[in-house]
């Protein structure tokens, strides 16, 4: 929703359901850092 139109986000996710045991807030922080870097350097 916030990324510029000049960058394309392409999803290649499995259609299955996989349950994991995690802290959603901390994992969100992990993904935010990784994705933010990817957007920043794309």
ModelCIF file with pLDDT and N, C-alpha, C, O atoms, coordinates in Angstrom:
data_MODEL
#
_entry.id   MODEL 
#
_entity.id                         1 
_entity.type                       polymer 
_entity.pdbx_number_of_molecules   1 
#
_entity_poly.entity_id                      1 
_entity_poly.type                           'polypeptide(L)' 
_entity_poly.nstd_linkage                   no 
_entity_poly.nstd_monomer                   no 
_entity_poly.pdbx_seq_one_letter_code       
;(UNK)(UNK)(UNK)(UNK)(UNK)(UNK)(UNK)(UNK)(UNK)(UNK)(UNK)(UNK)(UNK)(UNK)(UNK)(UNK)
(UNK)(UNK)(UNK)(UNK)(UNK)(UNK)(UNK)(UNK)(UNK)(UNK)(UNK)(UNK)(UNK)(UNK)(UNK)(UNK)
(UNK)(UNK)(UNK)(UNK)(UNK)(UNK)(UNK)(UNK)(UNK)(UNK)
;
_entity_poly.pdbx_seq_one_letter_code_can   XXXXXXXXXXXXXXXXXXXXXXXXXXXXXXXXXXXXXXXXXX 
_entity_poly.pdbx_strand_id                 A 
#
loop_
_entity_poly_seq.entity_id 
_entity_poly_seq.num 
_entity_poly_seq.mon_id 
_entity_poly_seq.hetero 
1 1  UNK n 
1 2  UNK n 
1 3  UNK n 
1 4  UNK n 
1 5  UNK n 
1 6  UNK n 
1 7  UNK n 
1 8  UNK n 
1 9  UNK n 
1 10 UNK n 
1 11 UNK n 
1 12 UNK n 
1 13 UNK n 
1 14 UNK n 
1 15 UNK n 
1 16 UNK n 
1 17 UNK n 
1 18 UNK n 
1 19 UNK n 
1 20 UNK n 
1 21 UNK n 
1 22 UNK n 
1 23 UNK n 
1 24 UNK n 
1 25 UNK n 
1 26 UNK n 
1 27 UNK n 
1 28 UNK n 
1 29 UNK n 
1 30 UNK n 
1 31 UNK n 
1 32 UNK n 
1 33 UNK n 
1 34 UNK n 
1 35 UNK n 
1 36 UNK n 
1 37 UNK n 
1 38 UNK n 
1 39 UNK n 
1 40 UNK n 
1 41 UNK n 
1 42 UNK n 
#
_struct_asym.id          A 
_struct_asym.entity_id   1 
#
loop_
_ma_qa_metric.id 
_ma_qa_metric.mode 
_ma_qa_metric.name 
_ma_qa_metric.software_group_id 
_ma_qa_metric.type 
1 global pLDDT . pLDDT 
2 local  pLDDT . pLDDT 
#
_ma_qa_metric_global.metric_id      1 
_ma_qa_metric_global.metric_value   87.48 
_ma_qa_metric_global.model_id       1 
_ma_qa_metric_global.ordinal_id     1 
#
loop_
_ma_qa_metric_local.label_asym_id 
_ma_qa_metric_local.label_comp_id 
_ma_qa_metric_local.label_seq_id 
_ma_qa_metric_local.metric_id 
_ma_qa_metric_local.metric_value 
_ma_qa_metric_local.model_id 
_ma_qa_metric_local.ordinal_id 
A UNK 1  2 83.00 1 1  
A UNK 2  2 79.00 1 2  
A UNK 3  2 78.00 1 3  
A UNK 4  2 70.00 1 4  
A UNK 5  2 67.00 1 5  
A UNK 6  2 81.00 1 6  
A UNK 7  2 86.00 1 7  
A UNK 8  2 89.00 1 8  
A UNK 9  2 90.00 1 9  
A UNK 10 2 91.00 1 10 
A UNK 11 2 91.00 1 11 
A UNK 12 2 89.00 1 12 
A UNK 13 2 88.00 1 13 
A UNK 14 2 82.00 1 14 
A UNK 15 2 81.00 1 15 
A UNK 16 2 83.00 1 16 
A UNK 17 2 87.00 1 17 
A UNK 18 2 90.00 1 18 
A UNK 19 2 92.00 1 19 
A UNK 20 2 93.00 1 20 
A UNK 21 2 91.00 1 21 
A UNK 22 2 92.00 1 22 
A UNK 23 2 91.00 1 23 
A UNK 24 2 91.00 1 24 
A UNK 25 2 90.00 1 25 
A UNK 26 2 90.00 1 26 
A UNK 27 2 92.00 1 27 
A UNK 28 2 92.00 1 28 
A UNK 29 2 90.00 1 29 
A UNK 30 2 92.00 1 30 
A UNK 31 2 93.00 1 31 
A UNK 32 2 91.00 1 32 
A UNK 33 2 90.00 1 33 
A UNK 34 2 92.00 1 34 
A UNK 35 2 92.00 1 35 
A UNK 36 2 89.00 1 36 
A UNK 37 2 88.00 1 37 
A UNK 38 2 90.00 1 38 
A UNK 39 2 89.00 1 39 
A UNK 40 2 87.00 1 40 
A UNK 41 2 85.00 1 41 
A UNK 42 2 87.00 1 42 
#
loop_
_atom_site.group_PDB 
_atom_site.id 
_atom_site.type_symbol 
_atom_site.label_atom_id 
_atom_site.label_alt_id 
_atom_site.label_comp_id 
_atom_site.label_asym_id 
_atom_site.label_entity_id 
_atom_site.label_seq_id 
_atom_site.pdbx_PDB_ins_code 
_atom_site.Cartn_x 
_atom_site.Cartn_y 
_atom_site.Cartn_z 
_atom_site.occupancy 
_atom_site.B_iso_or_equiv 
_atom_site.pdbx_formal_charge 
_atom_site.auth_seq_id 
_atom_site.auth_comp_id 
_atom_site.auth_asym_id 
_atom_site.auth_atom_id 
_atom_site.pdbx_PDB_model_num 
ATOM 1   N N  . UNK A 1 1  ? 0.829  -1.213  0.000  1.00 83.00 ? 1  UNK A N  1 
ATOM 2   C CA . UNK A 1 1  ? 0.000  0.000   0.000  1.00 83.00 ? 1  UNK A CA 1 
ATOM 3   C C  . UNK A 1 1  ? 0.865  1.264   0.000  1.00 83.00 ? 1  UNK A C  1 
ATOM 4   O O  . UNK A 1 1  ? 0.412  2.319   -0.446 1.00 83.00 ? 1  UNK A O  1 
ATOM 5   N N  . UNK A 1 2  ? 2.089  1.170   0.490  1.00 79.00 ? 2  UNK A N  1 
ATOM 6   C CA . UNK A 1 2  ? 2.929  2.366   0.627  1.00 79.00 ? 2  UNK A CA 1 
ATOM 7   C C  . UNK A 1 2  ? 4.096  2.415   -0.343 1.00 79.00 ? 2  UNK A C  1 
ATOM 8   O O  . UNK A 1 2  ? 4.743  3.453   -0.483 1.00 79.00 ? 2  UNK A O  1 
ATOM 9   N N  . UNK A 1 3  ? 4.373  1.307   -1.013 1.00 78.00 ? 3  UNK A N  1 
ATOM 10  C CA . UNK A 1 3  ? 5.541  1.276   -1.872 1.00 78.00 ? 3  UNK A CA 1 
ATOM 11  C C  . UNK A 1 3  ? 5.285  2.067   -3.143 1.00 78.00 ? 3  UNK A C  1 
ATOM 12  O O  . UNK A 1 3  ? 4.147  2.148   -3.606 1.00 78.00 ? 3  UNK A O  1 
ATOM 13  N N  . UNK A 1 4  ? 6.339  2.656   -3.712 1.00 70.00 ? 4  UNK A N  1 
ATOM 14  C CA . UNK A 1 4  ? 6.214  3.393   -4.965 1.00 70.00 ? 4  UNK A CA 1 
ATOM 15  C C  . UNK A 1 4  ? 5.855  2.469   -6.104 1.00 70.00 ? 4  UNK A C  1 
ATOM 16  O O  . UNK A 1 4  ? 6.186  1.284   -6.077 1.00 70.00 ? 4  UNK A O  1 
ATOM 17  N N  . UNK A 1 5  ? 5.185  2.998   -7.094 1.00 67.00 ? 5  UNK A N  1 
ATOM 18  C CA . UNK A 1 5  ? 4.750  2.195   -8.240 1.00 67.00 ? 5  UNK A CA 1 
ATOM 19  C C  . UNK A 1 5  ? 5.918  1.730   -9.089 1.00 67.00 ? 5  UNK A C  1 
ATOM 20  O O  . UNK A 1 5  ? 5.762  0.847   -9.932 1.00 67.00 ? 5  UNK A O  1 
ATOM 21  N N  . UNK A 1 6  ? 7.118  2.332   -8.869 1.00 81.00 ? 6  UNK A N  1 
ATOM 22  C CA . UNK A 1 6  ? 8.270  1.950   -9.664 1.00 81.00 ? 6  UNK A CA 1 
ATOM 23  C C  . UNK A 1 6  ? 8.886  0.638   -9.195 1.00 81.00 ? 6  UNK A C  1 
ATOM 24  O O  . UNK A 1 6  ? 9.775  0.106   -9.860 1.00 81.00 ? 6  UNK A O  1 
ATOM 25  N N  . UNK A 1 7  ? 8.434  0.109   -8.069 1.00 86.00 ? 7  UNK A N  1 
ATOM 26  C CA . UNK A 1 7  ? 8.929  -1.164  -7.547 1.00 86.00 ? 7  UNK A CA 1 
ATOM 27  C C  . UNK A 1 7  ? 7.770  -2.159  -7.478 1.00 86.00 ? 7  UNK A C  1 
ATOM 28  O O  . UNK A 1 7  ? 6.686  -1.830  -6.997 1.00 86.00 ? 7  UNK A O  1 
ATOM 29  N N  . UNK A 1 8  ? 8.014  -3.384  -7.966 1.00 89.00 ? 8  UNK A N  1 
ATOM 30  C CA . UNK A 1 8  ? 6.977  -4.423  -8.006 1.00 89.00 ? 8  UNK A CA 1 
ATOM 31  C C  . UNK A 1 8  ? 7.227  -5.446  -6.904 1.00 89.00 ? 8  UNK A C  1 
ATOM 32  O O  . UNK A 1 8  ? 8.339  -5.950  -6.748 1.00 89.00 ? 8  UNK A O  1 
ATOM 33  N N  . UNK A 1 9  ? 6.176  -5.743  -6.143 1.00 90.00 ? 9  UNK A N  1 
ATOM 34  C CA . UNK A 1 9  ? 6.263  -6.793  -5.118 1.00 90.00 ? 9  UNK A CA 1 
ATOM 35  C C  . UNK A 1 9  ? 5.606  -8.049  -5.675 1.00 90.00 ? 9  UNK A C  1 
ATOM 36  O O  . UNK A 1 9  ? 4.398  -8.067  -5.910 1.00 90.00 ? 9  UNK A O  1 
ATOM 37  N N  . UNK A 1 10 ? 6.377  -9.076  -5.881 1.00 91.00 ? 10 UNK A N  1 
ATOM 38  C CA . UNK A 1 10 ? 5.883  -10.315 -6.481 1.00 91.00 ? 10 UNK A CA 1 
ATOM 39  C C  . UNK A 1 10 ? 5.867  -11.419 -5.434 1.00 91.00 ? 10 UNK A C  1 
ATOM 40  O O  . UNK A 1 10 ? 6.882  -11.697 -4.795 1.00 91.00 ? 10 UNK A O  1 
ATOM 41  N N  . UNK A 1 11 ? 4.700  -12.051 -5.262 1.00 91.00 ? 11 UNK A N  1 
ATOM 42  C CA . UNK A 1 11 ? 4.537  -13.101 -4.252 1.00 91.00 ? 11 UNK A CA 1 
ATOM 43  C C  . UNK A 1 11 ? 4.612  -14.483 -4.910 1.00 91.00 ? 11 UNK A C  1 
ATOM 44  O O  . UNK A 1 11 ? 3.926  -14.752 -5.896 1.00 91.00 ? 11 UNK A O  1 
ATOM 45  N N  . UNK A 1 12 ? 5.420  -15.315 -4.370 1.00 89.00 ? 12 UNK A N  1 
ATOM 46  C CA . UNK A 1 12 ? 5.526  -16.708 -4.822 1.00 89.00 ? 12 UNK A CA 1 
ATOM 47  C C  . UNK A 1 12 ? 5.385  -17.616 -3.595 1.00 89.00 ? 12 UNK A C  1 
ATOM 48  O O  . UNK A 1 12 ? 6.287  -18.371 -3.232 1.00 89.00 ? 12 UNK A O  1 
ATOM 49  N N  . UNK A 1 13 ? 4.210  -17.502 -2.982 1.00 88.00 ? 13 UNK A N  1 
ATOM 50  C CA . UNK A 1 13 ? 3.957  -18.201 -1.725 1.00 88.00 ? 13 UNK A CA 1 
ATOM 51  C C  . UNK A 1 13 ? 3.180  -19.482 -1.986 1.00 88.00 ? 13 UNK A C  1 
ATOM 52  O O  . UNK A 1 13 ? 2.383  -19.559 -2.921 1.00 88.00 ? 13 UNK A O  1 
ATOM 53  N N  . UNK A 1 14 ? 3.415  -20.468 -1.163 1.00 82.00 ? 14 UNK A N  1 
ATOM 54  C CA . UNK A 1 14 ? 2.709  -21.744 -1.272 1.00 82.00 ? 14 UNK A CA 1 
ATOM 55  C C  . UNK A 1 14 ? 1.245  -21.562 -0.885 1.00 82.00 ? 14 UNK A C  1 
ATOM 56  O O  . UNK A 1 14 ? 0.896  -20.675 -0.105 1.00 82.00 ? 14 UNK A O  1 
ATOM 57  N N  . UNK A 1 15 ? 0.396  -22.421 -1.448 1.00 81.00 ? 15 UNK A N  1 
ATOM 58  C CA . UNK A 1 15 ? -1.035 -22.352 -1.129 1.00 81.00 ? 15 UNK A CA 1 
ATOM 59  C C  . UNK A 1 15 ? -1.398 -23.165 0.107  1.00 81.00 ? 15 UNK A C  1 
ATOM 60  O O  . UNK A 1 15 ? -2.553 -23.163 0.533  1.00 81.00 ? 15 UNK A O  1 
ATOM 61  N N  . UNK A 1 16 ? -0.424 -23.856 0.682  1.00 83.00 ? 16 UNK A N  1 
ATOM 62  C CA . UNK A 1 16 ? -0.713 -24.670 1.857  1.00 83.00 ? 16 UNK A CA 1 
ATOM 63  C C  . UNK A 1 16 ? -0.802 -23.833 3.121  1.00 83.00 ? 16 UNK A C  1 
ATOM 64  O O  . UNK A 1 16 ? -0.582 -22.621 3.114  1.00 83.00 ? 16 UNK A O  1 
ATOM 65  N N  . UNK A 1 17 ? -1.134 -24.525 4.210  1.00 87.00 ? 17 UNK A N  1 
ATOM 66  C CA . UNK A 1 17 ? -1.220 -23.879 5.513  1.00 87.00 ? 17 UNK A CA 1 
ATOM 67  C C  . UNK A 1 17 ? -0.138 -24.468 6.411  1.00 87.00 ? 17 UNK A C  1 
ATOM 68  O O  . UNK A 1 17 ? -0.071 -25.681 6.611  1.00 87.00 ? 17 UNK A O  1 
ATOM 69  N N  . UNK A 1 18 ? 0.713  -23.584 6.953  1.00 90.00 ? 18 UNK A N  1 
ATOM 70  C CA . UNK A 1 18 ? 1.837  -24.013 7.766  1.00 90.00 ? 18 UNK A CA 1 
ATOM 71  C C  . UNK A 1 18 ? 1.791  -23.255 9.092  1.00 90.00 ? 18 UNK A C  1 
ATOM 72  O O  . UNK A 1 18 ? 1.872  -22.027 9.124  1.00 90.00 ? 18 UNK A O  1 
ATOM 73  N N  . UNK A 1 19 ? 1.662  -23.998 10.168 1.00 92.00 ? 19 UNK A N  1 
ATOM 74  C CA . UNK A 1 19 ? 1.591  -23.397 11.502 1.00 92.00 ? 19 UNK A CA 1 
ATOM 75  C C  . UNK A 1 19 ? 2.976  -23.337 12.121 1.00 92.00 ? 19 UNK A C  1 
ATOM 76  O O  . UNK A 1 19 ? 3.729  -24.311 12.107 1.00 92.00 ? 19 UNK A O  1 
ATOM 77  N N  . UNK A 1 20 ? 3.299  -22.148 12.673 1.00 93.00 ? 20 UNK A N  1 
ATOM 78  C CA . UNK A 1 20 ? 4.568  -21.962 13.361 1.00 93.00 ? 20 UNK A CA 1 
ATOM 79  C C  . UNK A 1 20 ? 4.298  -21.358 14.729 1.00 93.00 ? 20 UNK A C  1 
ATOM 80  O O  . UNK A 1 20 ? 3.250  -20.758 14.969 1.00 93.00 ? 20 UNK A O  1 
ATOM 81  N N  . UNK A 1 21 ? 5.261  -21.529 15.613 1.00 91.00 ? 21 UNK A N  1 
ATOM 82  C CA . UNK A 1 21 ? 5.152  -21.045 16.993 1.00 91.00 ? 21 UNK A CA 1 
ATOM 83  C C  . UNK A 1 21 ? 6.076  -19.828 17.111 1.00 91.00 ? 21 UNK A C  1 
ATOM 84  O O  . UNK A 1 21 ? 7.293  -19.980 17.213 1.00 91.00 ? 21 UNK A O  1 
ATOM 85  N N  . UNK A 1 22 ? 5.489  -18.607 17.097 1.00 92.00 ? 22 UNK A N  1 
ATOM 86  C CA . UNK A 1 22 ? 6.327  -17.420 17.059 1.00 92.00 ? 22 UNK A CA 1 
ATOM 87  C C  . UNK A 1 22 ? 5.668  -16.251 17.784 1.00 92.00 ? 22 UNK A C  1 
ATOM 88  O O  . UNK A 1 22 ? 4.490  -16.289 18.142 1.00 92.00 ? 22 UNK A O  1 
ATOM 89  N N  . UNK A 1 23 ? 6.474  -15.212 17.985 1.00 91.00 ? 23 UNK A N  1 
ATOM 90  C CA . UNK A 1 23 ? 6.007  -13.943 18.542 1.00 91.00 ? 23 UNK A CA 1 
ATOM 91  C C  . UNK A 1 23 ? 5.679  -13.034 17.357 1.00 91.00 ? 23 UNK A C  1 
ATOM 92  O O  . UNK A 1 23 ? 6.601  -12.558 16.695 1.00 91.00 ? 23 UNK A O  1 
ATOM 93  N N  . UNK A 1 24 ? 4.404  -12.775 17.066 1.00 91.00 ? 24 UNK A N  1 
ATOM 94  C CA . UNK A 1 24 ? 4.045  -12.006 15.864 1.00 91.00 ? 24 UNK A CA 1 
ATOM 95  C C  . UNK A 1 24 ? 4.694  -10.627 15.831 1.00 91.00 ? 24 UNK A C  1 
ATOM 96  O O  . UNK A 1 24 ? 5.128  -10.182 14.769 1.00 91.00 ? 24 UNK A O  1 
ATOM 97  N N  . UNK A 1 25 ? 4.769  -9.942  16.970 1.00 90.00 ? 25 UNK A N  1 
ATOM 98  C CA . UNK A 1 25 ? 5.352  -8.600  16.987 1.00 90.00 ? 25 UNK A CA 1 
ATOM 99  C C  . UNK A 1 25 ? 6.827  -8.639  16.610 1.00 90.00 ? 25 UNK A C  1 
ATOM 100 O O  . UNK A 1 25 ? 7.288  -7.834  15.800 1.00 90.00 ? 25 UNK A O  1 
ATOM 101 N N  . UNK A 1 26 ? 7.564  -9.570  17.196 1.00 90.00 ? 26 UNK A N  1 
ATOM 102 C CA . UNK A 1 26 ? 8.995  -9.624  16.916 1.00 90.00 ? 26 UNK A CA 1 
ATOM 103 C C  . UNK A 1 26 ? 9.270  -10.119 15.497 1.00 90.00 ? 26 UNK A C  1 
ATOM 104 O O  . UNK A 1 26 ? 10.209 -9.651  14.853 1.00 90.00 ? 26 UNK A O  1 
ATOM 105 N N  . UNK A 1 27 ? 8.464  -11.057 15.004 1.00 92.00 ? 27 UNK A N  1 
ATOM 106 C CA . UNK A 1 27 ? 8.659  -11.524 13.641 1.00 92.00 ? 27 UNK A CA 1 
ATOM 107 C C  . UNK A 1 27 ? 8.291  -10.427 12.643 1.00 92.00 ? 27 UNK A C  1 
ATOM 108 O O  . UNK A 1 27 ? 8.886  -10.334 11.570 1.00 92.00 ? 27 UNK A O  1 
ATOM 109 N N  . UNK A 1 28 ? 7.302  -9.592  13.002 1.00 92.00 ? 28 UNK A N  1 
ATOM 110 C CA . UNK A 1 28 ? 6.978  -8.439  12.154 1.00 92.00 ? 28 UNK A CA 1 
ATOM 111 C C  . UNK A 1 28 ? 8.171  -7.497  12.068 1.00 92.00 ? 28 UNK A C  1 
ATOM 112 O O  . UNK A 1 28 ? 8.464  -6.947  11.006 1.00 92.00 ? 28 UNK A O  1 
ATOM 113 N N  . UNK A 1 29 ? 8.849  -7.318  13.183 1.00 90.00 ? 29 UNK A N  1 
ATOM 114 C CA . UNK A 1 29 ? 10.044 -6.469  13.176 1.00 90.00 ? 29 UNK A CA 1 
ATOM 115 C C  . UNK A 1 29 ? 11.119 -7.054  12.268 1.00 90.00 ? 29 UNK A C  1 
ATOM 116 O O  . UNK A 1 29 ? 11.791 -6.316  11.548 1.00 90.00 ? 29 UNK A O  1 
ATOM 117 N N  . UNK A 1 30 ? 11.287 -8.374  12.297 1.00 92.00 ? 30 UNK A N  1 
ATOM 118 C CA . UNK A 1 30 ? 12.267 -9.029  11.423 1.00 92.00 ? 30 UNK A CA 1 
ATOM 119 C C  . UNK A 1 30 ? 11.938 -8.770  9.956  1.00 92.00 ? 30 UNK A C  1 
ATOM 120 O O  . UNK A 1 30 ? 12.789 -8.347  9.173  1.00 92.00 ? 30 UNK A O  1 
ATOM 121 N N  . UNK A 1 31 ? 10.658 -9.038  9.599  1.00 93.00 ? 31 UNK A N  1 
ATOM 122 C CA . UNK A 1 31 ? 10.252 -8.862  8.202  1.00 93.00 ? 31 UNK A CA 1 
ATOM 123 C C  . UNK A 1 31 ? 10.294 -7.399  7.787  1.00 93.00 ? 31 UNK A C  1 
ATOM 124 O O  . UNK A 1 31 ? 10.655 -7.085  6.653  1.00 93.00 ? 31 UNK A O  1 
ATOM 125 N N  . UNK A 1 32 ? 9.928  -6.501  8.700  1.00 91.00 ? 32 UNK A N  1 
ATOM 126 C CA . UNK A 1 32 ? 9.998  -5.071  8.374  1.00 91.00 ? 32 UNK A CA 1 
ATOM 127 C C  . UNK A 1 32 ? 11.429 -4.664  8.034  1.00 91.00 ? 32 UNK A C  1 
ATOM 128 O O  . UNK A 1 32 ? 11.661 -3.959  7.051  1.00 91.00 ? 32 UNK A O  1 
ATOM 129 N N  . UNK A 1 33 ? 12.379 -5.104  8.840  1.00 90.00 ? 33 UNK A N  1 
ATOM 130 C CA . UNK A 1 33 ? 13.779 -4.768  8.574  1.00 90.00 ? 33 UNK A CA 1 
ATOM 131 C C  . UNK A 1 33 ? 14.244 -5.315  7.234  1.00 90.00 ? 33 UNK A C  1 
ATOM 132 O O  . UNK A 1 33 ? 14.904 -4.617  6.464  1.00 90.00 ? 33 UNK A O  1 
ATOM 133 N N  . UNK A 1 34 ? 13.894 -6.575  6.958  1.00 92.00 ? 34 UNK A N  1 
ATOM 134 C CA . UNK A 1 34 ? 14.356 -7.204  5.712  1.00 92.00 ? 34 UNK A CA 1 
ATOM 135 C C  . UNK A 1 34 ? 13.700 -6.549  4.500  1.00 92.00 ? 34 UNK A C  1 
ATOM 136 O O  . UNK A 1 34 ? 14.377 -6.199  3.534  1.00 92.00 ? 34 UNK A O  1 
ATOM 137 N N  . UNK A 1 35 ? 12.366 -6.384  4.555  1.00 92.00 ? 35 UNK A N  1 
ATOM 138 C CA . UNK A 1 35 ? 11.652 -5.824  3.405  1.00 92.00 ? 35 UNK A CA 1 
ATOM 139 C C  . UNK A 1 35 ? 12.018 -4.355  3.211  1.00 92.00 ? 35 UNK A C  1 
ATOM 140 O O  . UNK A 1 35 ? 12.159 -3.902  2.075  1.00 92.00 ? 35 UNK A O  1 
ATOM 141 N N  . UNK A 1 36 ? 12.173 -3.610  4.297  1.00 89.00 ? 36 UNK A N  1 
ATOM 142 C CA . UNK A 1 36 ? 12.558 -2.203  4.185  1.00 89.00 ? 36 UNK A CA 1 
ATOM 143 C C  . UNK A 1 36 ? 13.901 -2.070  3.490  1.00 89.00 ? 36 UNK A C  1 
ATOM 144 O O  . UNK A 1 36 ? 14.077 -1.198  2.639  1.00 89.00 ? 36 UNK A O  1 
ATOM 145 N N  . UNK A 1 37 ? 14.855 -2.930  3.847  1.00 88.00 ? 37 UNK A N  1 
ATOM 146 C CA . UNK A 1 37 ? 16.155 -2.908  3.176  1.00 88.00 ? 37 UNK A CA 1 
ATOM 147 C C  . UNK A 1 37 ? 16.017 -3.233  1.700  1.00 88.00 ? 37 UNK A C  1 
ATOM 148 O O  . UNK A 1 37 ? 16.650 -2.595  0.858  1.00 88.00 ? 37 UNK A O  1 
ATOM 149 N N  . UNK A 1 38 ? 15.168 -4.251  1.375  1.00 90.00 ? 38 UNK A N  1 
ATOM 150 C CA . UNK A 1 38 ? 14.988 -4.628  -0.024 1.00 90.00 ? 38 UNK A CA 1 
ATOM 151 C C  . UNK A 1 38 ? 14.407 -3.466  -0.832 1.00 90.00 ? 38 UNK A C  1 
ATOM 152 O O  . UNK A 1 38 ? 14.842 -3.203  -1.953 1.00 90.00 ? 38 UNK A O  1 
ATOM 153 N N  . UNK A 1 39 ? 13.416 -2.771  -0.252 1.00 89.00 ? 39 UNK A N  1 
ATOM 154 C CA . UNK A 1 39 ? 12.815 -1.628  -0.947 1.00 89.00 ? 39 UNK A CA 1 
ATOM 155 C C  . UNK A 1 39 ? 13.819 -0.484  -1.054 1.00 89.00 ? 39 UNK A C  1 
ATOM 156 O O  . UNK A 1 39 ? 13.885 0.214   -2.066 1.00 89.00 ? 39 UNK A O  1 
ATOM 157 N N  . UNK A 1 40 ? 14.592 -0.312  0.006  1.00 87.00 ? 40 UNK A N  1 
ATOM 158 C CA . UNK A 1 40 ? 15.525 0.809   0.060  1.00 87.00 ? 40 UNK A CA 1 
ATOM 159 C C  . UNK A 1 40 ? 16.603 0.682   -1.013 1.00 87.00 ? 40 UNK A C  1 
ATOM 160 O O  . UNK A 1 40 ? 17.002 1.679   -1.615 1.00 87.00 ? 40 UNK A O  1 
ATOM 161 N N  . UNK A 1 41 ? 17.076 -0.548  -1.253 1.00 85.00 ? 41 UNK A N  1 
ATOM 162 C CA . UNK A 1 41 ? 18.187 -0.745  -2.174 1.00 85.00 ? 41 UNK A CA 1 
ATOM 163 C C  . UNK A 1 41 ? 17.747 -1.206  -3.558 1.00 85.00 ? 41 UNK A C  1 
ATOM 164 O O  . UNK A 1 41 ? 18.596 -1.466  -4.410 1.00 85.00 ? 41 UNK A O  1 
ATOM 165 N N  . UNK A 1 42 ? 16.407 -1.319  -3.812 1.00 87.00 ? 42 UNK A N  1 
ATOM 166 C CA . UNK A 1 42 ? 15.922 -1.725  -5.137 1.00 87.00 ? 42 UNK A CA 1 
ATOM 167 C C  . UNK A 1 42 ? 15.935 -0.533  -6.086 1.00 87.00 ? 42 UNK A C  1 
ATOM 168 O O  . UNK A 1 42 ? 15.563 -0.668  -7.252 1.00 87.00 ? 42 UNK A O  1 
#
